[in-house]
C-alpha atoms as a PDB file:
ATOM      1  CA  MET A   1     -76.620  24.007 -65.944  1.00  0.00           C
ATOM      2  CA  THR A   2     -74.318  20.980 -65.507  1.00  0.00           C
ATOM      3  CA  PRO A   3     -70.947  21.810 -63.975  1.00  0.00           C
ATOM      4  CA  GLU A   4     -67.901  21.037 -66.130  1.00  0.00           C
ATOM      5  CA  PRO A   5     -66.026  17.884 -65.193  1.00  0.00           C
ATOM      6  CA  ARG A   6     -62.978  18.359 -63.014  1.00  0.00           C
ATOM      7  CA  PHE A   7     -60.537  15.803 -61.797  1.00  0.00           C
ATOM      8  CA  VAL A   8     -57.103  15.288 -60.187  1.00  0.00           C
ATOM      9  CA  LEU A   9     -54.568  14.496 -62.917  1.00  0.00           C
ATOM     10  CA  ASP A  10     -51.564  12.337 -61.897  1.00  0.00           C
ATOM     11  CA  ALA A  11     -48.327  12.689 -63.814  1.00  0.00           C
ATOM     12  CA  SER A  12     -48.561   8.940 -64.646  1.00  0.00           C
ATOM     13  CA  ILE A  13     -51.553   9.724 -66.885  1.00  0.00           C
ATOM     14  CA  ALA A  14     -50.135  12.884 -68.562  1.00  0.00           C
ATOM     15  CA  ILE A  15     -46.811  11.279 -69.416  1.00  0.00           C
ATOM     16  CA  THR A  16     -48.432   8.619 -71.495  1.00  0.00           C
ATOM     17  CA  TRP A  17     -49.573  11.402 -73.898  1.00  0.00           C
ATOM     18  CA  ALA A  18     -45.934  12.128 -74.609  1.00  0.00           C
ATOM     19  CA  MET A  19     -44.621   8.638 -75.109  1.00  0.00           C
ATOM     20  CA  ARG A  20     -45.406   7.051 -78.524  1.00  0.00           C
ATOM     21  CA  ASP A  21     -44.907   3.564 -77.085  1.00  0.00           C
ATOM     22  CA  GLU A  22     -47.473   4.031 -74.325  1.00  0.00           C
ATOM     23  CA  ASP A  23     -51.228   4.013 -74.564  1.00  0.00           C
ATOM     24  CA  HIS A  24     -53.915   3.546 -71.901  1.00  0.00           C
ATOM     25  CA  PRO A  25     -57.677   3.973 -72.021  1.00  0.00           C
ATOM     26  CA  THR A  26     -57.716   5.982 -68.837  1.00  0.00           C
ATOM     27  CA  ALA A  27     -55.117   8.341 -70.193  1.00  0.00           C
ATOM     28  CA  ASP A  28     -57.242   8.704 -73.319  1.00  0.00           C
ATOM     29  CA  LEU A  29     -60.390   9.271 -71.224  1.00  0.00           C
ATOM     30  CA  ALA A  30     -58.585  12.012 -69.131  1.00  0.00           C
ATOM     31  CA  PHE A  31     -57.468  13.787 -72.280  1.00  0.00           C
ATOM     32  CA  SER A  32     -60.967  13.760 -73.664  1.00  0.00           C
ATOM     33  CA  MET A  33     -62.276  15.099 -70.382  1.00  0.00           C
ATOM     34  CA  LEU A  34     -59.852  18.114 -70.657  1.00  0.00           C
ATOM     35  CA  GLU A  35     -61.586  19.039 -73.873  1.00  0.00           C
ATOM     36  CA  ILE A  36     -64.840  19.737 -71.912  1.00  0.00           C
ATOM     37  CA  GLY A  37     -63.579  20.199 -68.416  1.00  0.00           C
ATOM     38  CA  SER A  38     -60.445  20.847 -66.382  1.00  0.00           C
ATOM     39  CA  ALA A  39     -57.996  19.154 -64.104  1.00  0.00           C
ATOM     40  CA  ILE A  40     -56.173  20.172 -60.930  1.00  0.00           C
ATOM     41  CA  VAL A  41     -52.736  19.032 -59.956  1.00  0.00           C
ATOM     42  CA  PRO A  42     -50.385  19.612 -56.932  1.00  0.00           C
ATOM     43  CA  ALA A  43     -47.374  21.805 -57.666  1.00  0.00           C
ATOM     44  CA  ILE A  44     -45.120  18.703 -57.712  1.00  0.00           C
ATOM     45  CA  TRP A  45     -46.887  17.648 -61.017  1.00  0.00           C
ATOM     46  CA  TRP A  46     -44.753  20.032 -63.205  1.00  0.00           C
ATOM     47  CA  TYR A  47     -41.527  18.696 -61.680  1.00  0.00           C
ATOM     48  CA  GLU A  48     -42.640  15.061 -62.106  1.00  0.00           C
ATOM     49  CA  ILE A  49     -43.556  15.627 -65.752  1.00  0.00           C
ATOM     50  CA  ARG A  50     -40.237  17.329 -66.474  1.00  0.00           C
ATOM     51  CA  ASN A  51     -38.143  14.758 -64.660  1.00  0.00           C
ATOM     52  CA  THR A  52     -39.885  11.804 -66.476  1.00  0.00           C
ATOM     53  CA  LEU A  53     -39.170  13.528 -69.775  1.00  0.00           C
ATOM     54  CA  ILE A  54     -35.508  14.058 -69.013  1.00  0.00           C
ATOM     55  CA  MET A  55     -35.139  10.524 -67.858  1.00  0.00           C
ATOM     56  CA  SER A  56     -36.946   9.310 -71.012  1.00  0.00           C
ATOM     57  CA  GLU A  57     -34.597  11.481 -73.183  1.00  0.00           C
ATOM     58  CA  ARG A  58     -31.608   9.768 -71.462  1.00  0.00           C
ATOM     59  CA  ARG A  59     -33.054   6.393 -72.294  1.00  0.00           C
ATOM     60  CA  ALA A  60     -33.703   7.487 -75.821  1.00  0.00           C
ATOM     61  CA  ARG A  61     -37.452   7.037 -75.578  1.00  0.00           C
ATOM     62  CA  ILE A  62     -38.168  10.618 -76.592  1.00  0.00           C
ATOM     63  CA  LEU A  63     -36.206  13.431 -78.346  1.00  0.00           C
ATOM     64  CA  PRO A  64     -35.528  16.737 -76.575  1.00  0.00           C
ATOM     65  CA  GLU A  65     -37.528  18.583 -79.189  1.00  0.00           C
ATOM     66  CA  ASP A  66     -40.498  16.231 -78.561  1.00  0.00           C
ATOM     67  CA  SER A  67     -40.287  16.869 -74.830  1.00  0.00           C
ATOM     68  CA  ASP A  68     -40.242  20.673 -75.450  1.00  0.00           C
ATOM     69  CA  SER A  69     -43.238  20.343 -77.784  1.00  0.00           C
ATOM     70  CA  PHE A  70     -45.189  18.164 -75.335  1.00  0.00           C
ATOM     71  CA  LEU A  71     -44.552  20.790 -72.537  1.00  0.00           C
ATOM     72  CA  ARG A  72     -45.869  23.474 -74.695  1.00  0.00           C
ATOM     73  CA  SER A  73     -48.897  21.451 -75.527  1.00  0.00           C
ATOM     74  CA  LEU A  74     -49.595  20.865 -71.860  1.00  0.00           C
ATOM     75  CA  GLU A  75     -49.644  24.568 -71.266  1.00  0.00           C
ATOM     76  CA  GLN A  76     -52.658  24.793 -73.712  1.00  0.00           C
ATOM     77  CA  LEU A  77     -54.719  22.328 -71.608  1.00  0.00           C
ATOM     78  CA  ARG A  78     -56.935  23.408 -68.695  1.00  0.00           C
ATOM     79  CA  ILE A  79     -54.706  22.085 -65.916  1.00  0.00           C
ATOM     80  CA  ASP A  80     -54.695  24.233 -62.835  1.00  0.00           C
ATOM     81  CA  ILE A  81     -51.961  24.053 -60.263  1.00  0.00           C
ATOM     82  CA  ASP A  82     -53.288  23.829 -56.815  1.00  0.00           C
ATOM     83  CA  PRO A  83     -52.060  26.948 -54.911  1.00  0.00           C
ATOM     84  CA  SER A  84     -52.239  25.349 -51.518  1.00  0.00           C
ATOM     85  CA  SER A  85     -50.734  22.231 -50.032  1.00  0.00           C
ATOM     86  CA  ASN A  86     -52.078  20.723 -46.931  1.00  0.00           C
ATOM     87  CA  GLN A  87     -48.851  19.383 -45.587  1.00  0.00           C
ATOM     88  CA  SER A  88     -50.541  17.645 -42.641  1.00  0.00           C
ATOM     89  CA  ALA A  89     -52.946  15.801 -44.930  1.00  0.00           C
ATOM     90  CA  MET A  90     -50.056  14.635 -47.197  1.00  0.00           C
ATOM     91  CA  MET A  91     -48.180  13.253 -44.279  1.00  0.00           C
ATOM     92  CA  ILE A  92     -51.164  11.534 -42.832  1.00  0.00           C
ATOM     93  CA  LEU A  93     -52.174   9.970 -46.158  1.00  0.00           C
ATOM     94  CA  SER A  94     -48.535   8.980 -46.910  1.00  0.00           C
ATOM     95  CA  ARG A  95     -48.146   7.268 -43.632  1.00  0.00           C
ATOM     96  CA  LYS A  96     -51.600   5.661 -43.684  1.00  0.00           C
ATOM     97  CA  HIS A  97     -51.351   4.120 -47.179  1.00  0.00           C
ATOM     98  CA  GLY A  98     -47.599   3.707 -47.528  1.00  0.00           C
ATOM     99  CA  LEU A  99     -47.428   6.292 -50.348  1.00  0.00           C
ATOM    100  CA  SER A 100     -44.681   8.703 -51.301  1.00  0.00           C
ATOM    101  CA  VAL A 101     -45.374  12.198 -50.137  1.00  0.00           C
ATOM    102  CA  TYR A 102     -45.630  13.044 -53.864  1.00  0.00           C
ATOM    103  CA  ASP A 103     -48.432  10.620 -54.488  1.00  0.00           C
ATOM    104  CA  ALA A 104     -50.133  11.660 -51.231  1.00  0.00           C
ATOM    105  CA  ALA A 105     -50.195  15.226 -52.602  1.00  0.00           C
ATOM    106  CA  TYR A 106     -52.437  14.105 -55.425  1.00  0.00           C
ATOM    107  CA  LEU A 107     -54.669  12.124 -53.084  1.00  0.00           C
ATOM    108  CA  ALA A 108     -54.922  15.015 -50.590  1.00  0.00           C
ATOM    109  CA  VAL A 109     -56.303  17.327 -53.403  1.00  0.00           C
ATOM    110  CA  ALA A 110     -58.791  14.744 -54.462  1.00  0.00           C
ATOM    111  CA  VAL A 111     -59.941  14.104 -50.942  1.00  0.00           C
ATOM    112  CA  ARG A 112     -60.203  17.880 -50.171  1.00  0.00           C
ATOM    113  CA  ASP A 113     -62.068  18.756 -53.247  1.00  0.00           C
ATOM    114  CA  SER A 114     -64.162  15.572 -53.541  1.00  0.00           C
ATOM    115  CA  LEU A 115     -62.766  14.879 -57.043  1.00  0.00           C
ATOM    116  CA  GLN A 116     -62.070  11.824 -59.086  1.00  0.00           C
ATOM    117  CA  ILE A 117     -58.418  10.952 -59.557  1.00  0.00           C
ATOM    118  CA  ALA A 118     -56.794   9.851 -62.879  1.00  0.00           C
ATOM    119  CA  THR A 119     -53.797   7.737 -62.241  1.00  0.00           C
ATOM    120  CA  LEU A 120     -51.956   4.669 -63.488  1.00  0.00           C
ATOM    121  CA  ASP A 121     -50.172   4.185 -60.151  1.00  0.00           C
ATOM    122  CA  LYS A 122     -51.493   1.069 -58.531  1.00  0.00           C
ATOM    123  CA  ALA A 123     -50.543   2.149 -54.928  1.00  0.00           C
ATOM    124  CA  LEU A 124     -52.277   5.485 -55.444  1.00  0.00           C
ATOM    125  CA  GLU A 125     -55.359   3.812 -56.989  1.00  0.00           C
ATOM    126  CA  ALA A 126     -55.608   1.560 -53.863  1.00  0.00           C
ATOM    127  CA  ALA A 127     -55.217   4.428 -51.503  1.00  0.00           C
ATOM    128  CA  ALA A 128     -57.780   6.475 -53.374  1.00  0.00           C
ATOM    129  CA  LEU A 129     -60.288   3.697 -53.177  1.00  0.00           C
ATOM    130  CA  ALA A 130     -59.576   3.156 -49.461  1.00  0.00           C
ATOM    131  CA  GLU A 131     -60.270   6.897 -48.931  1.00  0.00           C
ATOM    132  CA  GLY A 132     -63.514   6.695 -50.938  1.00  0.00           C
ATOM    133  CA  VAL A 133     -62.085   8.802 -53.843  1.00  0.00           C
ATOM    134  CA  PRO A 134     -63.581   7.676 -57.178  1.00  0.00           C
ATOM    135  CA  LEU A 135     -61.075   6.721 -60.018  1.00  0.00           C
ATOM    136  CA  LEU A 136     -61.412   8.145 -63.446  1.00  0.00           C
ATOM    137  CA  SER A 137     -61.997   5.014 -65.587  1.00  0.00           C
END
């Protein structure tokens, strides 16, 4: 039996699903993979998603009711919140690659669990490749 696909999902990918003026093949692929598999995210993910939605509402890119609907739709997807956080690994990866601690949190999960990472963040992509973490593409 083949194990189901699992990957680390960065907020930069998920937020494209909410924005009508954004589209990216990697985001489409990640969404498709969630139909047959699952993703894992650090706890910061939910805050990043909500903050981006609020900022997008303020810039009139999305309506509040669309943000609310999007959040409800995310809850239906197989996205698991990582219950642990390796603070030491986050600090090391952040320093080593010049990442924010937030981005290092995604990378730490991918490194720890030997998972692909789905991101549109170029700095996170570069750090992932430097750490031998495959990119979802």
